[in-house]
Amino acid sequence: MKKILLLSLKFLISLYWAFGQVLYDNGPIIISDPSARFSIQGNKWSTNSLTYFFQNGTNDISGTNEREAIRDAFELWSCVRHLLSLK
């Protein structure tokens, strides 16, 4: 029984070392501010108006729901950034 427990413990430790988190800077990965995961890298569109169209759809969502989802997304984005969407 003691051998089985020791083997199980060794197995679990080897799994920990094999699949544990890899630290490249000898420190833990801590993200205190969720918005810090995203950063602006200096790329910017030269215009605030976007034109889009639907070339084809999906069978998972009806055509009107697809258009409503895109319209809602553009409305949400335009609350943060002045954005004019043209269909």
PDB file of N, CA and C in Angstrom:
ATOM      1  N   MET A   1       0.826  -1.188   0.000  1.00  0.00           N
ATOM      2  CA  MET A   1       0.000   0.000   0.000  1.00  0.00           C
ATOM      3  C   MET A   1       0.870   1.251   0.000  1.00  0.00           C
ATOM      4  N   LYS A   2       1.968   1.179   0.768  1.00  0.00           N
ATOM      5  CA  LYS A   2       2.871   2.319   0.858  1.00  0.00           C
ATOM      6  C   LYS A   2       3.548   2.582  -0.489  1.00  0.00           C
ATOM      7  N   LYS A   3       3.894   1.489  -1.204  1.00  0.00           N
ATOM      8  CA  LYS A   3       4.515   1.622  -2.517  1.00  0.00           C
ATOM      9  C   LYS A   3       3.566   2.297  -3.505  1.00  0.00           C
ATOM     10  N   ILE A   4       2.309   1.926  -3.463  1.00  0.00           N
ATOM     11  CA  ILE A   4       1.313   2.503  -4.371  1.00  0.00           C
ATOM     12  C   ILE A   4       1.161   3.995  -4.106  1.00  0.00           C
ATOM     13  N   LEU A   5       1.122   4.381  -2.838  1.00  0.00           N
ATOM     14  CA  LEU A   5       1.012   5.795  -2.498  1.00  0.00           C
ATOM     15  C   LEU A   5       2.235   6.575  -2.964  1.00  0.00           C
ATOM     16  N   LEU A   6       3.427   6.014  -2.771  1.00  0.00           N
ATOM     17  CA  LEU A   6       4.646   6.682  -3.213  1.00  0.00           C
ATOM     18  C   LEU A   6       4.695   6.801  -4.734  1.00  0.00           C
ATOM     19  N   LEU A   7       4.305   5.746  -5.428  1.00  0.00           N
ATOM     20  CA  LEU A   7       4.273   5.800  -6.886  1.00  0.00           C
ATOM     21  C   LEU A   7       3.253   6.824  -7.381  1.00  0.00           C
ATOM     22  N   SER A   8       2.111   6.871  -6.727  1.00  0.00           N
ATOM     23  CA  SER A   8       1.092   7.854  -7.099  1.00  0.00           C
ATOM     24  C   SER A   8       1.599   9.269  -6.876  1.00  0.00           C
ATOM     25  N   LEU A   9       2.266   9.495  -5.769  1.00  0.00           N
ATOM     26  CA  LEU A   9       2.817  10.809  -5.467  1.00  0.00           C
ATOM     27  C   LEU A   9       3.876  11.201  -6.488  1.00  0.00           C
ATOM     28  N   LYS A  10       4.756  10.283  -6.828  1.00  0.00           N
ATOM     29  CA  LYS A  10       5.781  10.556  -7.841  1.00  0.00           C
ATOM     30  C   LYS A  10       5.137  10.860  -9.189  1.00  0.00           C
ATOM     31  N   PHE A  11       4.096  10.119  -9.522  1.00  0.00           N
ATOM     32  CA  PHE A  11       3.400  10.343 -10.784  1.00  0.00           C
ATOM     33  C   PHE A  11       2.773  11.735 -10.818  1.00  0.00           C
ATOM     34  N   LEU A  12       2.118  12.121  -9.727  1.00  0.00           N
ATOM     35  CA  LEU A  12       1.497  13.445  -9.668  1.00  0.00           C
ATOM     36  C   LEU A  12       2.537  14.555  -9.744  1.00  0.00           C
ATOM     37  N   ILE A  13       3.662  14.376  -9.089  1.00  0.00           N
ATOM     38  CA  ILE A  13       4.727  15.380  -9.140  1.00  0.00           C
ATOM     39  C   ILE A  13       5.288  15.481 -10.555  1.00  0.00           C
ATOM     40  N   SER A  14       5.462  14.345 -11.221  1.00  0.00           N
ATOM     41  CA  SER A  14       5.973  14.388 -12.597  1.00  0.00           C
ATOM     42  C   SER A  14       4.973  15.067 -13.533  1.00  0.00           C
ATOM     43  N   LEU A  15       3.677  14.869 -13.306  1.00  0.00           N
ATOM     44  CA  LEU A  15       2.666  15.571 -14.099  1.00  0.00           C
ATOM     45  C   LEU A  15       2.734  17.071 -13.865  1.00  0.00           C
ATOM     46  N   TYR A  16       2.932  17.456 -12.615  1.00  0.00           N
ATOM     47  CA  TYR A  16       3.038  18.878 -12.294  1.00  0.00           C
ATOM     48  C   TYR A  16       4.211  19.501 -13.045  1.00  0.00           C
ATOM     49  N   TRP A  17       5.350  18.838 -13.026  1.00  0.00           N
ATOM     50  CA  TRP A  17       6.529  19.377 -13.704  1.00  0.00           C
ATOM     51  C   TRP A  17       6.363  19.362 -15.221  1.00  0.00           C
ATOM     52  N   ALA A  18       5.666  18.371 -15.744  1.00  0.00           N
ATOM     53  CA  ALA A  18       5.502  18.265 -17.194  1.00  0.00           C
ATOM     54  C   ALA A  18       4.508  19.283 -17.742  1.00  0.00           C
ATOM     55  N   PHE A  19       3.434  19.532 -17.008  1.00  0.00           N
ATOM     56  CA  PHE A  19       2.371  20.393 -17.516  1.00  0.00           C
ATOM     57  C   PHE A  19       2.184  21.670 -16.716  1.00  0.00           C
ATOM     58  N   GLY A  20       3.083  21.977 -15.826  1.00  0.00           N
ATOM     59  CA  GLY A  20       2.970  23.183 -15.017  1.00  0.00           C
ATOM     60  C   GLY A  20       3.208  24.439 -15.839  1.00  0.00           C
ATOM     61  N   GLN A  21       2.902  25.569 -15.251  1.00  0.00           N
ATOM     62  CA  GLN A  21       3.064  26.858 -15.918  1.00  0.00           C
ATOM     63  C   GLN A  21       4.547  27.154 -16.145  1.00  0.00           C
ATOM     64  N   VAL A  22       4.869  27.550 -17.359  1.00  0.00           N
ATOM     65  CA  VAL A  22       6.247  27.892 -17.692  1.00  0.00           C
ATOM     66  C   VAL A  22       6.456  29.367 -17.384  1.00  0.00           C
ATOM     67  N   LEU A  23       7.414  29.666 -16.541  1.00  0.00           N
ATOM     68  CA  LEU A  23       7.718  31.048 -16.191  1.00  0.00           C
ATOM     69  C   LEU A  23       9.003  31.457 -16.889  1.00  0.00           C
ATOM     70  N   TYR A  24       8.927  32.474 -17.708  1.00  0.00           N
ATOM     71  CA  TYR A  24      10.092  32.918 -18.450  1.00  0.00           C
ATOM     72  C   TYR A  24      10.874  33.996 -17.712  1.00  0.00           C
ATOM     73  N   ASP A  25      10.231  34.670 -16.773  1.00  0.00           N
ATOM     74  CA  ASP A  25      10.915  35.755 -16.076  1.00  0.00           C
ATOM     75  C   ASP A  25      11.044  35.495 -14.576  1.00  0.00           C
ATOM     76  N   ASN A  26      10.887  34.257 -14.172  1.00  0.00           N
ATOM     77  CA  ASN A  26      11.009  33.852 -12.772  1.00  0.00           C
ATOM     78  C   ASN A  26      10.003  34.536 -11.863  1.00  0.00           C
ATOM     79  N   GLY A  27       8.896  34.947 -12.409  1.00  0.00           N
ATOM     80  CA  GLY A  27       7.859  35.573 -11.604  1.00  0.00           C
ATOM     81  C   GLY A  27       6.495  35.061 -12.022  1.00  0.00           C
ATOM     82  N   PRO A  28       5.504  35.204 -11.170  1.00  0.00           N
ATOM     83  CA  PRO A  28       4.165  34.733 -11.522  1.00  0.00           C
ATOM     84  C   PRO A  28       3.513  35.655 -12.549  1.00  0.00           C
ATOM     85  N   ILE A  29       2.571  35.128 -13.272  1.00  0.00           N
ATOM     86  CA  ILE A  29       1.810  35.923 -14.223  1.00  0.00           C
ATOM     87  C   ILE A  29       0.608  36.490 -13.480  1.00  0.00           C
ATOM     88  N   ILE A  30       0.618  37.796 -13.263  1.00  0.00           N
ATOM     89  CA  ILE A  30      -0.450  38.459 -12.519  1.00  0.00           C
ATOM     90  C   ILE A  30      -1.038  39.557 -13.398  1.00  0.00           C
ATOM     91  N   ILE A  31      -2.334  39.506 -13.604  1.00  0.00           N
ATOM     92  CA  ILE A  31      -3.037  40.561 -14.325  1.00  0.00           C
ATOM     93  C   ILE A  31      -4.034  41.155 -13.346  1.00  0.00           C
ATOM     94  N   SER A  32      -3.669  42.291 -12.763  1.00  0.00           N
ATOM     95  CA  SER A  32      -4.535  42.901 -11.761  1.00  0.00           C
ATOM     96  C   SER A  32      -5.671  43.682 -12.410  1.00  0.00           C
ATOM     97  N   ASP A  33      -5.409  44.286 -13.561  1.00  0.00           N
ATOM     98  CA  ASP A  33      -6.420  45.065 -14.256  1.00  0.00           C
ATOM     99  C   ASP A  33      -6.800  44.321 -15.537  1.00  0.00           C
ATOM    100  N   PRO A  34      -8.045  43.853 -15.656  1.00  0.00           N
ATOM    101  CA  PRO A  34      -8.425  43.085 -16.843  1.00  0.00           C
ATOM    102  C   PRO A  34      -8.233  43.858 -18.144  1.00  0.00           C
ATOM    103  N   SER A  35      -8.388  45.182 -18.116  1.00  0.00           N
ATOM    104  CA  SER A  35      -8.222  45.954 -19.346  1.00  0.00           C
ATOM    105  C   SER A  35      -6.761  46.057 -19.758  1.00  0.00           C
ATOM    106  N   ALA A  36      -5.828  45.710 -18.869  1.00  0.00           N
ATOM    107  CA  ALA A  36      -4.403  45.776 -19.197  1.00  0.00           C
ATOM    108  C   ALA A  36      -3.995  44.672 -20.158  1.00  0.00           C
ATOM    109  N   ARG A  37      -4.868  43.695 -20.372  1.00  0.00           N
ATOM    110  CA  ARG A  37      -4.549  42.617 -21.309  1.00  0.00           C
ATOM    111  C   ARG A  37      -4.563  43.120 -22.746  1.00  0.00           C
ATOM    112  N   PHE A  38      -5.202  44.259 -22.970  1.00  0.00           N
ATOM    113  CA  PHE A  38      -5.325  44.808 -24.312  1.00  0.00           C
ATOM    114  C   PHE A  38      -4.627  46.157 -24.350  1.00  0.00           C
ATOM    115  N   SER A  39      -3.906  46.421 -25.387  1.00  0.00           N
ATOM    116  CA  SER A  39      -3.216  47.704 -25.485  1.00  0.00           C
ATOM    117  C   SER A  39      -3.250  48.205 -26.914  1.00  0.00           C
ATOM    118  N   ILE A  40      -3.245  49.505 -27.046  1.00  0.00           N
ATOM    119  CA  ILE A  40      -3.216  50.138 -28.354  1.00  0.00           C
ATOM    120  C   ILE A  40      -1.779  50.122 -28.842  1.00  0.00           C
ATOM    121  N   GLN A  41      -1.578  49.741 -30.084  1.00  0.00           N
ATOM    122  CA  GLN A  41      -0.227  49.631 -30.607  1.00  0.00           C
ATOM    123  C   GLN A  41       0.079  50.680 -31.663  1.00  0.00           C
ATOM    124  N   GLY A  42      -0.707  51.732 -31.738  1.00  0.00           N
ATOM    125  CA  GLY A  42      -0.390  52.808 -32.659  1.00  0.00           C
ATOM    126  C   GLY A  42      -1.017  52.690 -34.034  1.00  0.00           C
ATOM    127  N   ASN A  43      -1.635  51.580 -34.358  1.00  0.00           N
ATOM    128  CA  ASN A  43      -2.295  51.449 -35.651  1.00  0.00           C
ATOM    129  C   ASN A  43      -3.639  52.147 -35.594  1.00  0.00           C
ATOM    130  N   LYS A  44      -3.972  52.870 -36.657  1.00  0.00           N
ATOM    131  CA  LYS A  44      -5.208  53.635 -36.648  1.00  0.00           C
ATOM    132  C   LYS A  44      -5.778  53.684 -38.057  1.00  0.00           C
ATOM    133  N   TRP A  45      -7.082  53.587 -38.151  1.00  0.00           N
ATOM    134  CA  TRP A  45      -7.718  53.738 -39.450  1.00  0.00           C
ATOM    135  C   TRP A  45      -7.689  55.201 -39.839  1.00  0.00           C
ATOM    136  N   SER A  46      -7.639  55.457 -41.111  1.00  0.00           N
ATOM    137  CA  SER A  46      -7.583  56.836 -41.588  1.00  0.00           C
ATOM    138  C   SER A  46      -8.973  57.449 -41.730  1.00  0.00           C
ATOM    139  N   THR A  47     -10.016  56.688 -41.480  1.00  0.00           N
ATOM    140  CA  THR A  47     -11.376  57.195 -41.620  1.00  0.00           C
ATOM    141  C   THR A  47     -12.250  56.679 -40.483  1.00  0.00           C
ATOM    142  N   ASN A  48     -13.344  57.386 -40.237  1.00  0.00           N
ATOM    143  CA  ASN A  48     -14.287  56.951 -39.203  1.00  0.00           C
ATOM    144  C   ASN A  48     -15.534  56.314 -39.797  1.00  0.00           C
ATOM    145  N   SER A  49     -15.631  56.291 -41.121  1.00  0.00           N
ATOM    146  CA  SER A  49     -16.807  55.673 -41.737  1.00  0.00           C
ATOM    147  C   SER A  49     -16.421  54.323 -42.339  1.00  0.00           C
ATOM    148  N   LEU A  50     -17.215  53.341 -42.033  1.00  0.00           N
ATOM    149  CA  LEU A  50     -16.986  51.981 -42.521  1.00  0.00           C
ATOM    150  C   LEU A  50     -18.175  51.555 -43.365  1.00  0.00           C
ATOM    151  N   THR A  51     -17.897  50.952 -44.489  1.00  0.00           N
ATOM    152  CA  THR A  51     -18.944  50.423 -45.350  1.00  0.00           C
ATOM    153  C   THR A  51     -18.860  48.901 -45.315  1.00  0.00           C
ATOM    154  N   TYR A  52     -19.998  48.263 -45.174  1.00  0.00           N
ATOM    155  CA  TYR A  52     -20.015  46.805 -45.113  1.00  0.00           C
ATOM    156  C   TYR A  52     -21.193  46.273 -45.909  1.00  0.00           C
ATOM    157  N   PHE A  53     -21.128  44.995 -46.235  1.00  0.00           N
ATOM    158  CA  PHE A  53     -22.233  44.334 -46.913  1.00  0.00           C
ATOM    159  C   PHE A  53     -22.218  42.861 -46.537  1.00  0.00           C
ATOM    160  N   PHE A  54     -23.328  42.217 -46.767  1.00  0.00           N
ATOM    161  CA  PHE A  54     -23.448  40.788 -46.511  1.00  0.00           C
ATOM    162  C   PHE A  54     -23.369  40.064 -47.848  1.00  0.00           C
ATOM    163  N   GLN A  55     -22.289  39.344 -48.053  1.00  0.00           N
ATOM    164  CA  GLN A  55     -22.137  38.585 -49.291  1.00  0.00           C
ATOM    165  C   GLN A  55     -22.921  37.277 -49.202  1.00  0.00           C
ATOM    166  N   ASN A  56     -22.842  36.641 -48.063  1.00  0.00           N
ATOM    167  CA  ASN A  56     -23.622  35.427 -47.829  1.00  0.00           C
ATOM    168  C   ASN A  56     -23.884  35.350 -46.329  1.00  0.00           C
ATOM    169  N   GLY A  57     -24.719  34.459 -45.928  1.00  0.00           N
ATOM    170  CA  GLY A  57     -25.090  34.357 -44.524  1.00  0.00           C
ATOM    171  C   GLY A  57     -24.723  33.011 -43.941  1.00  0.00           C
ATOM    172  N   THR A  58     -25.310  32.761 -42.798  1.00  0.00           N
ATOM    173  CA  THR A  58     -25.090  31.493 -42.120  1.00  0.00           C
ATOM    174  C   THR A  58     -26.440  30.849 -41.854  1.00  0.00           C
ATOM    175  N   ASN A  59     -26.457  29.557 -41.780  1.00  0.00           N
ATOM    176  CA  ASN A  59     -27.701  28.846 -41.480  1.00  0.00           C
ATOM    177  C   ASN A  59     -28.012  28.868 -39.989  1.00  0.00           C
ATOM    178  N   ASP A  60     -27.019  29.265 -39.173  1.00  0.00           N
ATOM    179  CA  ASP A  60     -27.209  29.273 -37.721  1.00  0.00           C
ATOM    180  C   ASP A  60     -28.059  30.450 -37.248  1.00  0.00           C
ATOM    181  N   ILE A  61     -28.027  31.556 -37.997  1.00  0.00           N
ATOM    182  CA  ILE A  61     -28.735  32.774 -37.600  1.00  0.00           C
ATOM    183  C   ILE A  61     -29.560  33.240 -38.793  1.00  0.00           C
ATOM    184  N   SER A  62     -30.784  33.688 -38.531  1.00  0.00           N
ATOM    185  CA  SER A  62     -31.608  34.181 -39.634  1.00  0.00           C
ATOM    186  C   SER A  62     -31.039  35.501 -40.155  1.00  0.00           C
ATOM    187  N   GLY A  63     -31.391  35.843 -41.378  1.00  0.00           N
ATOM    188  CA  GLY A  63     -30.857  37.048 -42.018  1.00  0.00           C
ATOM    189  C   GLY A  63     -31.118  38.321 -41.240  1.00  0.00           C
ATOM    190  N   THR A  64     -32.325  38.470 -40.692  1.00  0.00           N
ATOM    191  CA  THR A  64     -32.623  39.693 -39.938  1.00  0.00           C
ATOM    192  C   THR A  64     -31.836  39.739 -38.634  1.00  0.00           C
ATOM    193  N   ASN A  65     -31.641  38.600 -37.998  1.00  0.00           N
ATOM    194  CA  ASN A  65     -30.856  38.576 -36.756  1.00  0.00           C
ATOM    195  C   ASN A  65     -29.390  38.873 -37.016  1.00  0.00           C
ATOM    196  N   GLU A  66     -28.867  38.419 -38.163  1.00  0.00           N
ATOM    197  CA  GLU A  66     -27.482  38.745 -38.530  1.00  0.00           C
ATOM    198  C   GLU A  66     -27.314  40.252 -38.657  1.00  0.00           C
ATOM    199  N   ARG A  67     -28.224  40.866 -39.369  1.00  0.00           N
ATOM    200  CA  ARG A  67     -28.140  42.311 -39.592  1.00  0.00           C
ATOM    201  C   ARG A  67     -28.322  43.086 -38.289  1.00  0.00           C
ATOM    202  N   GLU A  68     -29.222  42.628 -37.439  1.00  0.00           N
ATOM    203  CA  GLU A  68     -29.419  43.284 -36.144  1.00  0.00           C
ATOM    204  C   GLU A  68     -28.175  43.169 -35.272  1.00  0.00           C
ATOM    205  N   ALA A  69     -27.523  42.011 -35.295  1.00  0.00           N
ATOM    206  CA  ALA A  69     -26.313  41.817 -34.492  1.00  0.00           C
ATOM    207  C   ALA A  69     -25.207  42.760 -34.946  1.00  0.00           C
ATOM    208  N   ILE A  70     -25.025  42.900 -36.252  1.00  0.00           N
ATOM    209  CA  ILE A  70     -24.001  43.811 -36.771  1.00  0.00           C
ATOM    210  C   ILE A  70     -24.369  45.251 -36.445  1.00  0.00           C
ATOM    211  N   ARG A  71     -25.632  45.605 -36.616  1.00  0.00           N
ATOM    212  CA  ARG A  71     -26.072  46.968 -36.307  1.00  0.00           C
ATOM    213  C   ARG A  71     -25.860  47.275 -34.823  1.00  0.00           C
ATOM    214  N   ASP A  72     -26.192  46.324 -33.953  1.00  0.00           N
ATOM    215  CA  ASP A  72     -25.981  46.515 -32.513  1.00  0.00           C
ATOM    216  C   ASP A  72     -24.505  46.655 -32.177  1.00  0.00           C
ATOM    217  N   ALA A  73     -23.663  45.868 -32.848  1.00  0.00           N
ATOM    218  CA  ALA A  73     -22.217  45.954 -32.599  1.00  0.00           C
ATOM    219  C   ALA A  73     -21.684  47.318 -33.007  1.00  0.00           C
ATOM    220  N   PHE A  74     -22.076  47.806 -34.189  1.00  0.00           N
ATOM    221  CA  PHE A  74     -21.622  49.129 -34.620  1.00  0.00           C
ATOM    222  C   PHE A  74     -22.137  50.214 -33.686  1.00  0.00           C
ATOM    223  N   GLU A  75     -23.346  50.064 -33.200  1.00  0.00           N
ATOM    224  CA  GLU A  75     -23.898  51.039 -32.258  1.00  0.00           C
ATOM    225  C   GLU A  75     -23.089  51.061 -30.962  1.00  0.00           C
ATOM    226  N   LEU A  76     -22.727  49.885 -30.476  1.00  0.00           N
ATOM    227  CA  LEU A  76     -21.914  49.790 -29.266  1.00  0.00           C
ATOM    228  C   LEU A  76     -20.534  50.399 -29.486  1.00  0.00           C
ATOM    229  N   TRP A  77     -19.890  50.076 -30.611  1.00  0.00           N
ATOM    230  CA  TRP A  77     -18.561  50.615 -30.907  1.00  0.00           C
ATOM    231  C   TRP A  77     -18.605  52.130 -31.063  1.00  0.00           C
ATOM    232  N   SER A  78     -19.690  52.651 -31.663  1.00  0.00           N
ATOM    233  CA  SER A  78     -19.756  54.092 -31.878  1.00  0.00           C
ATOM    234  C   SER A  78     -19.965  54.850 -30.573  1.00  0.00           C
ATOM    235  N   CYS A  79     -20.403  54.173 -29.520  1.00  0.00           N
ATOM    236  CA  CYS A  79     -20.496  54.822 -28.204  1.00  0.00           C
ATOM    237  C   CYS A  79     -19.107  55.109 -27.646  1.00  0.00           C
ATOM    238  N   VAL A  80     -18.139  54.295 -28.007  1.00  0.00           N
ATOM    239  CA  VAL A  80     -16.774  54.453 -27.513  1.00  0.00           C
ATOM    240  C   VAL A  80     -15.953  55.310 -28.468  1.00  0.00           C
ATOM    241  N   ARG A  81     -16.137  55.109 -29.734  1.00  0.00           N
ATOM    242  CA  ARG A  81     -15.346  55.798 -30.754  1.00  0.00           C
ATOM    243  C   ARG A  81     -16.295  56.282 -31.827  1.00  0.00           C
ATOM    244  N   HIS A  82     -16.163  57.537 -32.226  1.00  0.00           N
ATOM    245  CA  HIS A  82     -17.037  58.064 -33.275  1.00  0.00           C
ATOM    246  C   HIS A  82     -16.860  57.218 -34.529  1.00  0.00           C
ATOM    247  N   LEU A  83     -17.908  56.505 -34.876  1.00  0.00           N
ATOM    248  CA  LEU A  83     -17.831  55.570 -35.985  1.00  0.00           C
ATOM    249  C   LEU A  83     -19.129  55.643 -36.766  1.00  0.00           C
ATOM    250  N   LEU A  84     -19.025  55.837 -38.046  1.00  0.00           N
ATOM    251  CA  LEU A  84     -20.187  55.882 -38.918  1.00  0.00           C
ATOM    252  C   LEU A  84     -20.192  54.612 -39.750  1.00  0.00           C
ATOM    253  N   SER A  85     -21.247  53.842 -39.635  1.00  0.00           N
ATOM    254  CA  SER A  85     -21.325  52.591 -40.397  1.00  0.00           C
ATOM    255  C   SER A  85     -22.349  52.751 -41.507  1.00  0.00           C
ATOM    256  N   LEU A  86     -21.958  52.389 -42.695  1.00  0.00           N
ATOM    257  CA  LEU A  86     -22.829  52.473 -43.860  1.00  0.00           C
ATOM    258  C   LEU A  86     -22.999  51.090 -44.449  1.00  0.00           C
ATOM    259  N   LYS A  87     -24.242  50.718 -44.704  1.00  0.00           N
ATOM    260  CA  LYS A  87     -24.501  49.391 -45.269  1.00  0.00           C
ATOM    261  C   LYS A  87     -24.553  49.504 -46.772  1.00  0.00           C
TER     262      LYS A  87
END
